[in-house]
Amino acid sequence: MAVVVADDGTSADVKRTLLPARAREGTVIRVSLGSDGRPDWSSAELDETERQRRLKAAEEQLKKMSQGDPGGDIQL
């Protein structure tokens, strides 16, 4: 089983065999919806461009957060 998290934050357990063979933690997968509104896992494809975009955005956010840290010890 794999936990798949949608863009809206909802998650679902999906049989690993339904996902593309190269899917790993952090992989972005595009999947079409069937006529019933549920994911059609047979259409699942890796989206490397989106994965790279998300990684870059996360790195930039981390860099911004670290720039505001003066460092040193916390004194109460």
Protein backbone atom coordinates (compact mmCIF):
# COMPACT_ATOMS: atom_id res chain seq x y z
CA MET A 1 0.00 0.00 0.00
CA ALA A 2 1.00 3.58 -0.57
CA VAL A 3 -0.44 6.77 0.88
CA VAL A 4 -1.31 9.21 -1.89
CA VAL A 5 -1.91 12.84 -0.92
CA ALA A 6 -4.00 15.01 -3.24
CA ASP A 7 -3.33 18.70 -3.87
CA ASP A 8 -6.20 19.57 -1.50
CA GLY A 9 -4.48 17.68 1.33
CA THR A 10 -6.78 14.67 1.40
CA SER A 11 -5.10 11.28 1.41
CA ALA A 12 -5.96 7.77 0.32
CA ASP A 13 -4.39 4.35 0.61
CA VAL A 14 -3.71 2.90 -2.84
CA LYS A 15 -2.38 -0.51 -3.78
CA ARG A 16 1.24 -0.07 -4.81
CA THR A 17 0.63 -2.22 -7.90
CA LEU A 18 -1.79 0.42 -9.25
CA LEU A 19 0.90 3.13 -9.30
CA PRO A 20 3.59 3.60 -11.95
CA ALA A 21 6.57 1.30 -11.36
CA ARG A 22 9.00 4.18 -10.70
CA ALA A 23 6.77 5.93 -8.14
CA ARG A 24 8.64 6.64 -4.90
CA GLU A 25 8.24 8.89 -1.89
CA GLY A 26 7.95 12.48 -3.12
CA THR A 27 6.84 11.49 -6.62
CA VAL A 28 4.15 13.64 -8.24
CA ILE A 29 1.57 11.57 -10.08
CA ARG A 30 -1.03 12.84 -12.52
CA VAL A 31 -4.16 10.73 -12.69
CA SER A 32 -7.39 11.25 -14.61
CA LEU A 33 -10.79 10.89 -13.03
CA GLY A 34 -13.15 8.25 -14.33
CA SER A 35 -16.78 8.87 -15.22
CA ASP A 36 -17.66 8.07 -11.59
CA GLY A 37 -15.41 10.91 -10.37
CA ARG A 38 -12.89 8.53 -8.83
CA PRO A 39 -9.23 8.29 -9.85
CA ASP A 40 -8.55 6.02 -12.81
CA TRP A 41 -5.22 4.60 -11.65
CA SER A 42 -4.58 2.98 -15.03
CA SER A 43 -4.01 6.54 -16.34
CA ALA A 44 -1.45 7.45 -13.65
CA GLU A 45 1.74 9.09 -14.95
CA LEU A 46 4.79 10.56 -13.22
CA ASP A 47 5.14 14.36 -13.48
CA GLU A 48 8.85 15.09 -13.04
CA THR A 49 8.49 18.77 -13.99
CA GLU A 50 5.99 19.38 -11.18
CA ARG A 51 8.13 17.40 -8.72
CA GLN A 52 11.11 19.62 -9.52
CA ARG A 53 8.98 22.77 -9.18
CA ARG A 54 7.73 21.69 -5.75
CA LEU A 55 11.24 20.81 -4.57
CA LYS A 56 12.54 24.22 -5.66
CA ALA A 57 9.64 25.99 -3.90
CA ALA A 58 10.34 24.05 -0.69
CA GLU A 59 14.05 24.87 -0.87
CA GLU A 60 13.27 28.58 -1.36
CA GLN A 61 10.88 28.54 1.61
CA LEU A 62 13.50 26.86 3.80
CA LYS A 63 16.10 29.43 2.71
CA LYS A 64 13.73 32.31 3.61
CA MET A 65 13.05 30.80 7.01
CA SER A 66 16.76 30.35 7.77
CA GLN A 67 17.56 33.95 6.79
CA GLY A 68 15.34 35.24 9.60
CA ASP A 69 17.15 33.16 12.23
CA PRO A 70 19.82 35.22 14.04
CA GLY A 71 21.35 31.99 15.35
CA GLY A 72 22.76 31.53 18.81
CA ASP A 73 21.13 30.25 21.95
CA ILE A 74 17.65 31.01 23.19
CA GLN A 75 17.55 32.87 26.48
CA LEU A 76 14.42 32.89 28.57
